[in-house]
Amino acid sequence: MGSTWAGDGFDFGSDMTSSDGPEDGTMSSDEPRSSDGPRSSDGPRSWDGPRSSDGGAPRRSGGPLPERTQAREAVAVAALSVVAVAAAAATPHAVPLSGAGADAGTVTLVGFLGVAAVTPALVRIDLAERRLPNVLVGAAAGAWGVSTALRVAGGDSAEAATSLALALAAAGFGLLAALAGGLGMGDVKLGAVLTGLLSTSDPTALLGFWGLAGTLAIGVAGIRTFRTRRRRSRSHPAADSARAGRGVPFGPCLLAAFWCVVVVRSGSVGIDAVVTLL
């Protein structure tokens, strides 16, 4: 389940998104239902849609995506894959690892391509449903696991151990935040995977990653709070409170920060290479 930052109180634990409610798509499950609504043969039909097993936000039906959405996500995956290839090419010491044919750039590419493949879907689902599906996070984790295994097979056990240790540390801190209601478990798992992938680069990359992710989340929450307060003077207060309660999903902030760090790191390596040649 993805976490959310509430617009008014920065509450990471809220999860109140629905696509069928009034105005902003939020409807409380304990509101009275209209007696004249459409009914099925076996009783009144729910207006909230299918709910998650933990009583969270209503989930949209699992029908096929519109062709336009599929095309946009395919383009996004292709663009992020190009970024991943560029990052792999710019990986320092991109030489064959001892005892294996794969070089450090290839190892980096495997992990980054795994994240690129699931980024558009994770962002779309977390924005709409406030959750990060295990199957998608698991795909990214699998790519990271393969890259880590390649490092071990290539004799670079120190880098593999560093990646695993930092990922576990991120998961531990994230779990504490989740128990306190500050993060969703989907965010904990995704954050650990992205930490593991960035851990073998410059240590400042990890600081930049988490700092940027937090800044993005706080910034978006602040903007939503400002807009909500402006609307309250000219719209229904209950609707604005419901809209604010939807919060800000943290998964897209993590992914945006990850790719920003990858791009900046690749660009800096490229610039250094050009300066060296000159």
C-alpha atoms as a PDB file:
ATOM      1  CA  MET A   1       0.000   0.000   0.000  1.00  0.00           C
ATOM      2  CA  GLY A   2       1.445   3.333  -0.969  1.00  0.00           C
ATOM      3  CA  SER A   3       1.638   6.043   1.635  1.00  0.00           C
ATOM      4  CA  THR A   4       0.261   9.518   1.491  1.00  0.00           C
ATOM      5  CA  TRP A   5       1.204  12.928   2.805  1.00  0.00           C
ATOM      6  CA  ALA A   6      -1.985  14.708   3.804  1.00  0.00           C
ATOM      7  CA  GLY A   7      -2.316  18.227   2.473  1.00  0.00           C
ATOM      8  CA  ASP A   8      -3.057  19.828   5.846  1.00  0.00           C
ATOM      9  CA  GLY A   9      -1.180  17.737   8.353  1.00  0.00           C
ATOM     10  CA  PHE A  10       1.489  15.825   6.429  1.00  0.00           C
ATOM     11  CA  ASP A  11      -0.133  12.576   7.522  1.00  0.00           C
ATOM     12  CA  PHE A  12       1.606   9.769   5.645  1.00  0.00           C
ATOM     13  CA  GLY A  13      -0.800   7.139   6.833  1.00  0.00           C
ATOM     14  CA  SER A  14      -4.036   8.308   5.202  1.00  0.00           C
ATOM     15  CA  ASP A  15      -5.426   6.339   2.285  1.00  0.00           C
ATOM     16  CA  MET A  16      -8.780   7.703   1.178  1.00  0.00           C
ATOM     17  CA  THR A  17      -8.758   7.749  -2.581  1.00  0.00           C
ATOM     18  CA  SER A  18     -11.725   6.705  -4.655  1.00  0.00           C
ATOM     19  CA  SER A  19     -12.561   7.419  -8.253  1.00  0.00           C
ATOM     20  CA  ASP A  20     -16.310   7.479  -7.740  1.00  0.00           C
ATOM     21  CA  GLY A  21     -16.973  10.086  -5.033  1.00  0.00           C
ATOM     22  CA  PRO A  22     -18.282  13.658  -5.350  1.00  0.00           C
ATOM     23  CA  GLU A  23     -16.067  16.256  -6.992  1.00  0.00           C
ATOM     24  CA  ASP A  24     -12.658  14.947  -5.993  1.00  0.00           C
ATOM     25  CA  GLY A  25     -13.497  11.288  -5.891  1.00  0.00           C
ATOM     26  CA  THR A  26     -13.699  10.805  -2.112  1.00  0.00           C
ATOM     27  CA  MET A  27     -16.660   9.198  -0.374  1.00  0.00           C
ATOM     28  CA  SER A  28     -16.846   7.882   3.148  1.00  0.00           C
ATOM     29  CA  SER A  29     -17.905   4.281   3.417  1.00  0.00           C
ATOM     30  CA  ASP A  30     -20.266   5.077   6.269  1.00  0.00           C
ATOM     31  CA  GLU A  31     -22.304   7.738   4.454  1.00  0.00           C
ATOM     32  CA  PRO A  32     -25.946   6.870   3.829  1.00  0.00           C
ATOM     33  CA  ARG A  33     -26.588   5.478   0.380  1.00  0.00           C
ATOM     34  CA  SER A  34     -29.363   6.734  -1.809  1.00  0.00           C
ATOM     35  CA  SER A  35     -32.389   4.488  -1.707  1.00  0.00           C
ATOM     36  CA  ASP A  36     -33.197   5.139  -5.359  1.00  0.00           C
ATOM     37  CA  GLY A  37     -29.790   4.184  -6.762  1.00  0.00           C
ATOM     38  CA  PRO A  38     -29.382   1.336  -9.220  1.00  0.00           C
ATOM     39  CA  ARG A  39     -29.811  -2.033  -7.608  1.00  0.00           C
ATOM     40  CA  SER A  40     -28.728  -5.469  -8.599  1.00  0.00           C
ATOM     41  CA  SER A  41     -30.856  -8.553  -8.214  1.00  0.00           C
ATOM     42  CA  ASP A  42     -29.192  -9.435  -4.944  1.00  0.00           C
ATOM     43  CA  GLY A  43     -29.341  -6.111  -3.161  1.00  0.00           C
ATOM     44  CA  PRO A  44     -28.175  -2.520  -3.397  1.00  0.00           C
ATOM     45  CA  ARG A  45     -25.064  -1.907  -5.431  1.00  0.00           C
ATOM     46  CA  SER A  46     -22.087  -0.257  -3.734  1.00  0.00           C
ATOM     47  CA  TRP A  47     -21.063   3.076  -5.171  1.00  0.00           C
ATOM     48  CA  ASP A  48     -17.516   2.843  -3.853  1.00  0.00           C
ATOM     49  CA  GLY A  49     -16.129   0.097  -6.046  1.00  0.00           C
ATOM     50  CA  PRO A  50     -14.022  -2.827  -4.858  1.00  0.00           C
ATOM     51  CA  ARG A  51     -12.032  -2.204  -1.719  1.00  0.00           C
ATOM     52  CA  SER A  52      -8.656  -3.445  -0.635  1.00  0.00           C
ATOM     53  CA  SER A  53      -8.461  -6.274   1.842  1.00  0.00           C
ATOM     54  CA  ASP A  54      -7.274  -3.964   4.611  1.00  0.00           C
ATOM     55  CA  GLY A  55     -10.263  -1.648   4.354  1.00  0.00           C
ATOM     56  CA  GLY A  56      -8.344   1.066   2.517  1.00  0.00           C
ATOM     57  CA  ALA A  57      -9.270   3.129  -0.478  1.00  0.00           C
ATOM     58  CA  PRO A  58     -11.626   1.778  -3.130  1.00  0.00           C
ATOM     59  CA  ARG A  59      -9.752   0.303  -6.045  1.00  0.00           C
ATOM     60  CA  ARG A  60     -10.630   0.751  -9.658  1.00  0.00           C
ATOM     61  CA  SER A  61     -11.842  -2.214 -11.633  1.00  0.00           C
ATOM     62  CA  GLY A  62      -9.108  -4.192 -13.312  1.00  0.00           C
ATOM     63  CA  GLY A  63     -10.188  -3.598 -16.903  1.00  0.00           C
ATOM     64  CA  PRO A  64      -7.790  -3.024 -19.802  1.00  0.00           C
ATOM     65  CA  LEU A  65      -6.020   0.325 -19.958  1.00  0.00           C
ATOM     66  CA  PRO A  66      -7.016   2.771 -22.690  1.00  0.00           C
ATOM     67  CA  GLU A  67      -4.756   2.610 -25.722  1.00  0.00           C
ATOM     68  CA  ARG A  68      -3.623   6.191 -25.170  1.00  0.00           C
ATOM     69  CA  THR A  69      -2.504   5.371 -21.620  1.00  0.00           C
ATOM     70  CA  GLN A  70      -0.671   2.284 -22.840  1.00  0.00           C
ATOM     71  CA  ALA A  71       1.087   4.333 -25.513  1.00  0.00           C
ATOM     72  CA  ARG A  72       2.127   7.003 -23.016  1.00  0.00           C
ATOM     73  CA  GLU A  73       3.518   4.427 -20.623  1.00  0.00           C
ATOM     74  CA  ALA A  74       5.377   2.653 -23.432  1.00  0.00           C
ATOM     75  CA  VAL A  75       7.007   5.939 -24.447  1.00  0.00           C
ATOM     76  CA  ALA A  76       7.904   6.639 -20.811  1.00  0.00           C
ATOM     77  CA  VAL A  77       9.475   3.188 -20.405  1.00  0.00           C
ATOM     78  CA  ALA A  78      11.483   3.696 -23.599  1.00  0.00           C
ATOM     79  CA  ALA A  79      12.707   7.114 -22.459  1.00  0.00           C
ATOM     80  CA  LEU A  80      13.703   5.837 -19.021  1.00  0.00           C
ATOM     81  CA  SER A  81      15.455   2.877 -20.628  1.00  0.00           C
ATOM     82  CA  VAL A  82      17.567   5.308 -22.652  1.00  0.00           C
ATOM     83  CA  VAL A  83      18.428   7.096 -19.416  1.00  0.00           C
ATOM     84  CA  ALA A  84      19.362   3.731 -17.869  1.00  0.00           C
ATOM     85  CA  VAL A  85      21.660   2.908 -20.789  1.00  0.00           C
ATOM     86  CA  ALA A  86      23.314   6.318 -20.522  1.00  0.00           C
ATOM     87  CA  ALA A  87      23.780   5.818 -16.786  1.00  0.00           C
ATOM     88  CA  ALA A  88      25.348   2.412 -17.367  1.00  0.00           C
ATOM     89  CA  ALA A  89      27.712   3.847 -19.968  1.00  0.00           C
ATOM     90  CA  ALA A  90      28.732   6.577 -17.523  1.00  0.00           C
ATOM     91  CA  THR A  91      29.307   4.147 -14.649  1.00  0.00           C
ATOM     92  CA  PRO A  92      32.818   4.673 -13.272  1.00  0.00           C
ATOM     93  CA  HIS A  93      35.187   1.726 -13.674  1.00  0.00           C
ATOM     94  CA  ALA A  94      32.950   0.132 -16.314  1.00  0.00           C
ATOM     95  CA  VAL A  95      35.423  -2.703 -16.829  1.00  0.00           C
ATOM     96  CA  PRO A  96      34.910  -6.458 -16.567  1.00  0.00           C
ATOM     97  CA  LEU A  97      34.536  -7.630 -12.990  1.00  0.00           C
ATOM     98  CA  SER A  98      37.096 -10.152 -11.880  1.00  0.00           C
ATOM     99  CA  GLY A  99      36.049 -13.684 -12.725  1.00  0.00           C
ATOM    100  CA  ALA A 100      33.066 -12.671 -14.893  1.00  0.00           C
ATOM    101  CA  GLY A 101      32.388 -11.264 -18.313  1.00  0.00           C
ATOM    102  CA  ALA A 102      29.840  -8.696 -17.131  1.00  0.00           C
ATOM    103  CA  ASP A 103      31.235  -5.263 -16.421  1.00  0.00           C
ATOM    104  CA  ALA A 104      30.084  -2.735 -13.839  1.00  0.00           C
ATOM    105  CA  GLY A 105      28.074  -0.854 -16.469  1.00  0.00           C
ATOM    106  CA  THR A 106      26.110  -3.977 -17.391  1.00  0.00           C
ATOM    107  CA  VAL A 107      25.404  -4.714 -13.733  1.00  0.00           C
ATOM    108  CA  THR A 108      24.105  -1.173 -13.287  1.00  0.00           C
ATOM    109  CA  LEU A 109      22.027  -1.432 -16.450  1.00  0.00           C
ATOM    110  CA  VAL A 110      20.201  -4.556 -15.271  1.00  0.00           C
ATOM    111  CA  GLY A 111      18.937  -2.885 -12.113  1.00  0.00           C
ATOM    112  CA  PHE A 112      18.034   0.420 -13.745  1.00  0.00           C
ATOM    113  CA  LEU A 113      16.132  -1.251 -16.586  1.00  0.00           C
ATOM    114  CA  GLY A 114      14.054  -3.134 -14.028  1.00  0.00           C
ATOM    115  CA  VAL A 115      13.018   0.145 -12.402  1.00  0.00           C
ATOM    116  CA  ALA A 116      12.399   1.781 -15.790  1.00  0.00           C
ATOM    117  CA  ALA A 117      10.005  -0.990 -16.788  1.00  0.00           C
ATOM    118  CA  VAL A 118       7.692  -0.465 -13.802  1.00  0.00           C
ATOM    119  CA  THR A 119       8.019   3.269 -13.109  1.00  0.00           C
ATOM    120  CA  PRO A 120       5.079   4.511 -15.253  1.00  0.00           C
ATOM    121  CA  ALA A 121       2.682   1.880 -13.881  1.00  0.00           C
ATOM    122  CA  LEU A 122       3.744   2.498 -10.278  1.00  0.00           C
ATOM    123  CA  VAL A 123       3.225   6.238 -10.650  1.00  0.00           C
ATOM    124  CA  ARG A 124      -0.178   5.821 -12.304  1.00  0.00           C
ATOM    125  CA  ILE A 125      -1.482   3.348  -9.730  1.00  0.00           C
ATOM    126  CA  ASP A 126      -0.155   5.211  -6.698  1.00  0.00           C
ATOM    127  CA  LEU A 127      -1.638   8.493  -7.893  1.00  0.00           C
ATOM    128  CA  ALA A 128      -5.025   6.917  -8.559  1.00  0.00           C
ATOM    129  CA  GLU A 129      -5.299   4.301  -5.818  1.00  0.00           C
ATOM    130  CA  ARG A 130      -2.670   5.183  -3.202  1.00  0.00           C
ATOM    131  CA  ARG A 131      -0.967   1.787  -3.364  1.00  0.00           C
ATOM    132  CA  LEU A 132       2.160   0.237  -4.854  1.00  0.00           C
ATOM    133  CA  PRO A 133       1.384  -3.273  -6.131  1.00  0.00           C
ATOM    134  CA  ASN A 134       3.715  -5.964  -4.829  1.00  0.00           C
ATOM    135  CA  VAL A 135       4.103  -7.489  -8.285  1.00  0.00           C
ATOM    136  CA  LEU A 136       5.568  -4.262  -9.695  1.00  0.00           C
ATOM    137  CA  VAL A 137       7.785  -3.498  -6.708  1.00  0.00           C
ATOM    138  CA  GLY A 138       8.828  -7.140  -6.803  1.00  0.00           C
ATOM    139  CA  ALA A 139       9.894  -6.801 -10.441  1.00  0.00           C
ATOM    140  CA  ALA A 140      12.182  -3.907  -9.535  1.00  0.00           C
ATOM    141  CA  ALA A 141      13.481  -5.868  -6.546  1.00  0.00           C
ATOM    142  CA  GLY A 142      14.167  -8.847  -8.799  1.00  0.00           C
ATOM    143  CA  ALA A 143      16.245  -6.707 -11.161  1.00  0.00           C
ATOM    144  CA  TRP A 144      18.212  -5.361  -8.203  1.00  0.00           C
ATOM    145  CA  GLY A 145      18.707  -8.924  -6.951  1.00  0.00           C
ATOM    146  CA  VAL A 146      20.062 -10.016 -10.342  1.00  0.00           C
ATOM    147  CA  SER A 147      22.482  -7.106 -10.461  1.00  0.00           C
ATOM    148  CA  THR A 148      23.648  -7.889  -6.923  1.00  0.00           C
ATOM    149  CA  ALA A 149      24.138 -11.554  -7.823  1.00  0.00           C
ATOM    150  CA  LEU A 150      26.195 -10.530 -10.859  1.00  0.00           C
ATOM    151  CA  ARG A 151      28.437  -8.485  -8.595  1.00  0.00           C
ATOM    152  CA  VAL A 152      28.968 -11.452  -6.309  1.00  0.00           C
ATOM    153  CA  ALA A 153      29.659 -13.750  -9.276  1.00  0.00           C
ATOM    154  CA  GLY A 154      32.130 -11.211 -10.601  1.00  0.00           C
ATOM    155  CA  GLY A 155      34.084 -11.150  -7.374  1.00  0.00           C
ATOM    156  CA  ASP A 156      32.823  -7.742  -6.249  1.00  0.00           C
ATOM    157  CA  SER A 157      31.374  -9.012  -2.988  1.00  0.00           C
ATOM    158  CA  ALA A 158      32.145  -5.789  -1.130  1.00  0.00           C
ATOM    159  CA  GLU A 159      29.894  -3.735  -3.404  1.00  0.00           C
ATOM    160  CA  ALA A 160      27.152  -6.358  -3.191  1.00  0.00           C
ATOM    161  CA  ALA A 161      27.358  -6.401   0.603  1.00  0.00           C
ATOM    162  CA  THR A 162      27.217  -2.595   0.716  1.00  0.00           C
ATOM    163  CA  SER A 163      24.140  -2.578  -1.498  1.00  0.00           C
ATOM    164  CA  LEU A 164      22.379  -5.174   0.634  1.00  0.00           C
ATOM    165  CA  ALA A 165      23.321  -3.530   3.939  1.00  0.00           C
ATOM    166  CA  LEU A 166      22.117  -0.079   2.911  1.00  0.00           C
ATOM    167  CA  ALA A 167      18.894  -1.494   1.483  1.00  0.00           C
ATOM    168  CA  LEU A 168      18.223  -3.302   4.763  1.00  0.00           C
ATOM    169  CA  ALA A 169      18.998  -0.122   6.705  1.00  0.00           C
ATOM    170  CA  ALA A 170      16.541   1.828   4.557  1.00  0.00           C
ATOM    171  CA  ALA A 171      13.933  -0.886   5.071  1.00  0.00           C
ATOM    172  CA  GLY A 172      14.496  -0.799   8.822  1.00  0.00           C
ATOM    173  CA  PHE A 173      14.050   2.957   9.103  1.00  0.00           C
ATOM    174  CA  GLY A 174      11.092   2.775   6.741  1.00  0.00           C
ATOM    175  CA  LEU A 175       9.460   0.085   8.849  1.00  0.00           C
ATOM    176  CA  LEU A 176       9.762   2.280  11.927  1.00  0.00           C
ATOM    177  CA  ALA A 177       8.128   5.119   9.987  1.00  0.00           C
ATOM    178  CA  ALA A 178       5.385   2.761   8.804  1.00  0.00           C
ATOM    179  CA  LEU A 179       4.673   1.582  12.344  1.00  0.00           C
ATOM    180  CA  ALA A 180       4.375   5.229  13.363  1.00  0.00           C
ATOM    181  CA  GLY A 181       1.910   5.841  10.536  1.00  0.00           C
ATOM    182  CA  GLY A 182       4.359   7.865   8.469  1.00  0.00           C
ATOM    183  CA  LEU A 183       4.800   5.520   5.475  1.00  0.00           C
ATOM    184  CA  GLY A 184       2.992   2.729   3.699  1.00  0.00           C
ATOM    185  CA  MET A 185       4.646  -0.655   3.340  1.00  0.00           C
ATOM    186  CA  GLY A 186       4.789  -0.227  -0.420  1.00  0.00           C
ATOM    187  CA  ASP A 187       6.907   2.875   0.069  1.00  0.00           C
ATOM    188  CA  VAL A 188       9.155   1.013   2.515  1.00  0.00           C
ATOM    189  CA  LYS A 189       9.836  -1.758   0.008  1.00  0.00           C
ATOM    190  CA  LEU A 190      10.298   0.572  -2.955  1.00  0.00           C
ATOM    191  CA  GLY A 191      12.593   2.866  -0.993  1.00  0.00           C
ATOM    192  CA  ALA A 192      14.762  -0.084   0.047  1.00  0.00           C
ATOM    193  CA  VAL A 193      15.093  -1.308  -3.551  1.00  0.00           C
ATOM    194  CA  LEU A 194      16.004   2.126  -4.909  1.00  0.00           C
ATOM    195  CA  THR A 195      18.484   2.610  -2.067  1.00  0.00           C
ATOM    196  CA  GLY A 196      20.142  -0.685  -2.937  1.00  0.00           C
ATOM    197  CA  LEU A 197      20.476   0.329  -6.580  1.00  0.00           C
ATOM    198  CA  LEU A 198      22.028   3.704  -5.766  1.00  0.00           C
ATOM    199  CA  SER A 199      24.252   2.474  -2.946  1.00  0.00           C
ATOM    200  CA  THR A 200      27.163   1.499  -5.201  1.00  0.00           C
ATOM    201  CA  SER A 201      27.530   5.012  -6.601  1.00  0.00           C
ATOM    202  CA  ASP A 202      28.784   8.155  -4.898  1.00  0.00           C
ATOM    203  CA  PRO A 203      27.485   8.266  -1.288  1.00  0.00           C
ATOM    204  CA  THR A 204      26.122  11.736  -1.986  1.00  0.00           C
ATOM    205  CA  ALA A 205      23.706  10.118  -4.440  1.00  0.00           C
ATOM    206  CA  LEU A 206      21.849   8.450  -1.569  1.00  0.00           C
ATOM    207  CA  LEU A 207      21.664  11.665   0.418  1.00  0.00           C
ATOM    208  CA  GLY A 208      20.419  13.493  -2.650  1.00  0.00           C
ATOM    209  CA  PHE A 209      17.874  10.774  -3.362  1.00  0.00           C
ATOM    210  CA  TRP A 210      16.208  10.796   0.059  1.00  0.00           C
ATOM    211  CA  GLY A 211      16.542  14.546   0.462  1.00  0.00           C
ATOM    212  CA  LEU A 212      14.926  15.214  -2.910  1.00  0.00           C
ATOM    213  CA  ALA A 213      12.144  12.663  -2.319  1.00  0.00           C
ATOM    214  CA  GLY A 214      11.239  14.289   0.990  1.00  0.00           C
ATOM    215  CA  THR A 215      11.437  17.783  -0.495  1.00  0.00           C
ATOM    216  CA  LEU A 216       9.142  16.820  -3.366  1.00  0.00           C
ATOM    217  CA  ALA A 217       6.573  15.287  -1.027  1.00  0.00           C
ATOM    218  CA  ILE A 218       6.588  18.272   1.337  1.00  0.00           C
ATOM    219  CA  GLY A 219       6.413  20.695  -1.587  1.00  0.00           C
ATOM    220  CA  VAL A 220       3.455  18.957  -3.199  1.00  0.00           C
ATOM    221  CA  ALA A 221       1.673  18.702   0.145  1.00  0.00           C
ATOM    222  CA  GLY A 222       2.261  22.413   0.752  1.00  0.00           C
ATOM    223  CA  ILE A 223       0.873  23.371  -2.654  1.00  0.00           C
ATOM    224  CA  ARG A 224      -2.220  21.241  -2.087  1.00  0.00           C
ATOM    225  CA  THR A 225      -2.749  22.776   1.335  1.00  0.00           C
ATOM    226  CA  PHE A 226      -2.528  26.275  -0.127  1.00  0.00           C
ATOM    227  CA  ARG A 227      -4.992  25.473  -2.910  1.00  0.00           C
ATOM    228  CA  THR A 228      -7.402  23.801  -0.507  1.00  0.00           C
ATOM    229  CA  ARG A 229      -7.465  26.793   1.800  1.00  0.00           C
ATOM    230  CA  ARG A 230      -8.107  29.119  -1.126  1.00  0.00           C
ATOM    231  CA  ARG A 231     -11.030  27.006  -2.293  1.00  0.00           C
ATOM    232  CA  ARG A 232     -12.644  26.838   1.130  1.00  0.00           C
ATOM    233  CA  SER A 233     -13.836  30.400   0.879  1.00  0.00           C
ATOM    234  CA  ARG A 234     -15.831  29.704  -2.283  1.00  0.00           C
ATOM    235  CA  SER A 235     -16.755  26.021  -2.193  1.00  0.00           C
ATOM    236  CA  HIS A 236     -18.269  23.449   0.105  1.00  0.00           C
ATOM    237  CA  PRO A 237     -16.015  22.906   3.163  1.00  0.00           C
ATOM    238  CA  ALA A 238     -16.824  19.207   3.378  1.00  0.00           C
ATOM    239  CA  ALA A 239     -15.727  18.614  -0.200  1.00  0.00           C
ATOM    240  CA  ASP A 240     -12.458  20.473   0.367  1.00  0.00           C
ATOM    241  CA  SER A 241     -11.743  18.517   3.535  1.00  0.00           C
ATOM    242  CA  ALA A 242     -12.311  15.262   1.652  1.00  0.00           C
ATOM    243  CA  ARG A 243     -10.042  16.425  -1.156  1.00  0.00           C
ATOM    244  CA  ALA A 244      -7.283  17.316   1.286  1.00  0.00           C
ATOM    245  CA  GLY A 245      -7.700  13.980   3.027  1.00  0.00           C
ATOM    246  CA  ARG A 246      -6.631  12.131  -0.101  1.00  0.00           C
ATOM    247  CA  GLY A 247      -3.073  13.234   0.612  1.00  0.00           C
ATOM    248  CA  VAL A 248       0.025  12.983  -1.554  1.00  0.00           C
ATOM    249  CA  PRO A 249       1.395   9.551  -2.559  1.00  0.00           C
ATOM    250  CA  PHE A 250       5.074   9.098  -1.739  1.00  0.00           C
ATOM    251  CA  GLY A 251       5.870   6.469  -4.382  1.00  0.00           C
ATOM    252  CA  PRO A 252       6.020   8.931  -7.306  1.00  0.00           C
ATOM    253  CA  CYS A 253       8.238  11.199  -5.209  1.00  0.00           C
ATOM    254  CA  LEU A 254      10.664   8.319  -4.620  1.00  0.00           C
ATOM    255  CA  LEU A 255      10.754   7.428  -8.306  1.00  0.00           C
ATOM    256  CA  ALA A 256      11.135  11.039  -9.451  1.00  0.00           C
ATOM    257  CA  ALA A 257      14.013  11.540  -7.023  1.00  0.00           C
ATOM    258  CA  PHE A 258      15.650   8.299  -8.179  1.00  0.00           C
ATOM    259  CA  TRP A 259      15.628   9.243 -11.842  1.00  0.00           C
ATOM    260  CA  CYS A 260      16.744  12.802 -11.105  1.00  0.00           C
ATOM    261  CA  VAL A 261      19.768  11.447  -9.242  1.00  0.00           C
ATOM    262  CA  VAL A 262      20.520   9.020 -12.088  1.00  0.00           C
ATOM    263  CA  VAL A 263      20.338  11.785 -14.703  1.00  0.00           C
ATOM    264  CA  VAL A 264      22.451  14.240 -12.693  1.00  0.00           C
ATOM    265  CA  ARG A 265      25.045  11.597 -11.904  1.00  0.00           C
ATOM    266  CA  SER A 266      25.284  10.510 -15.541  1.00  0.00           C
ATOM    267  CA  GLY A 267      25.481  14.103 -16.720  1.00  0.00           C
ATOM    268  CA  SER A 268      28.249  14.972 -14.293  1.00  0.00           C
ATOM    269  CA  VAL A 269      30.285  11.940 -15.367  1.00  0.00           C
ATOM    270  CA  GLY A 270      29.799  12.882 -19.011  1.00  0.00           C
ATOM    271  CA  ILE A 271      30.857  16.472 -18.403  1.00  0.00           C
ATOM    272  CA  ASP A 272      33.961  15.320 -16.541  1.00  0.00           C
ATOM    273  CA  ALA A 273      34.859  13.050 -19.442  1.00  0.00           C
ATOM    274  CA  VAL A 274      34.515  15.903 -21.956  1.00  0.00           C
ATOM    275  CA  VAL A 275      36.580  18.234 -19.801  1.00  0.00           C
ATOM    276  CA  THR A 276      39.266  15.576 -19.503  1.00  0.00           C
ATOM    277  CA  LEU A 277      39.429  15.165 -23.286  1.00  0.00           C
ATOM    278  CA  LEU A 278      39.713  18.908 -23.772  1.00  0.00           C
END
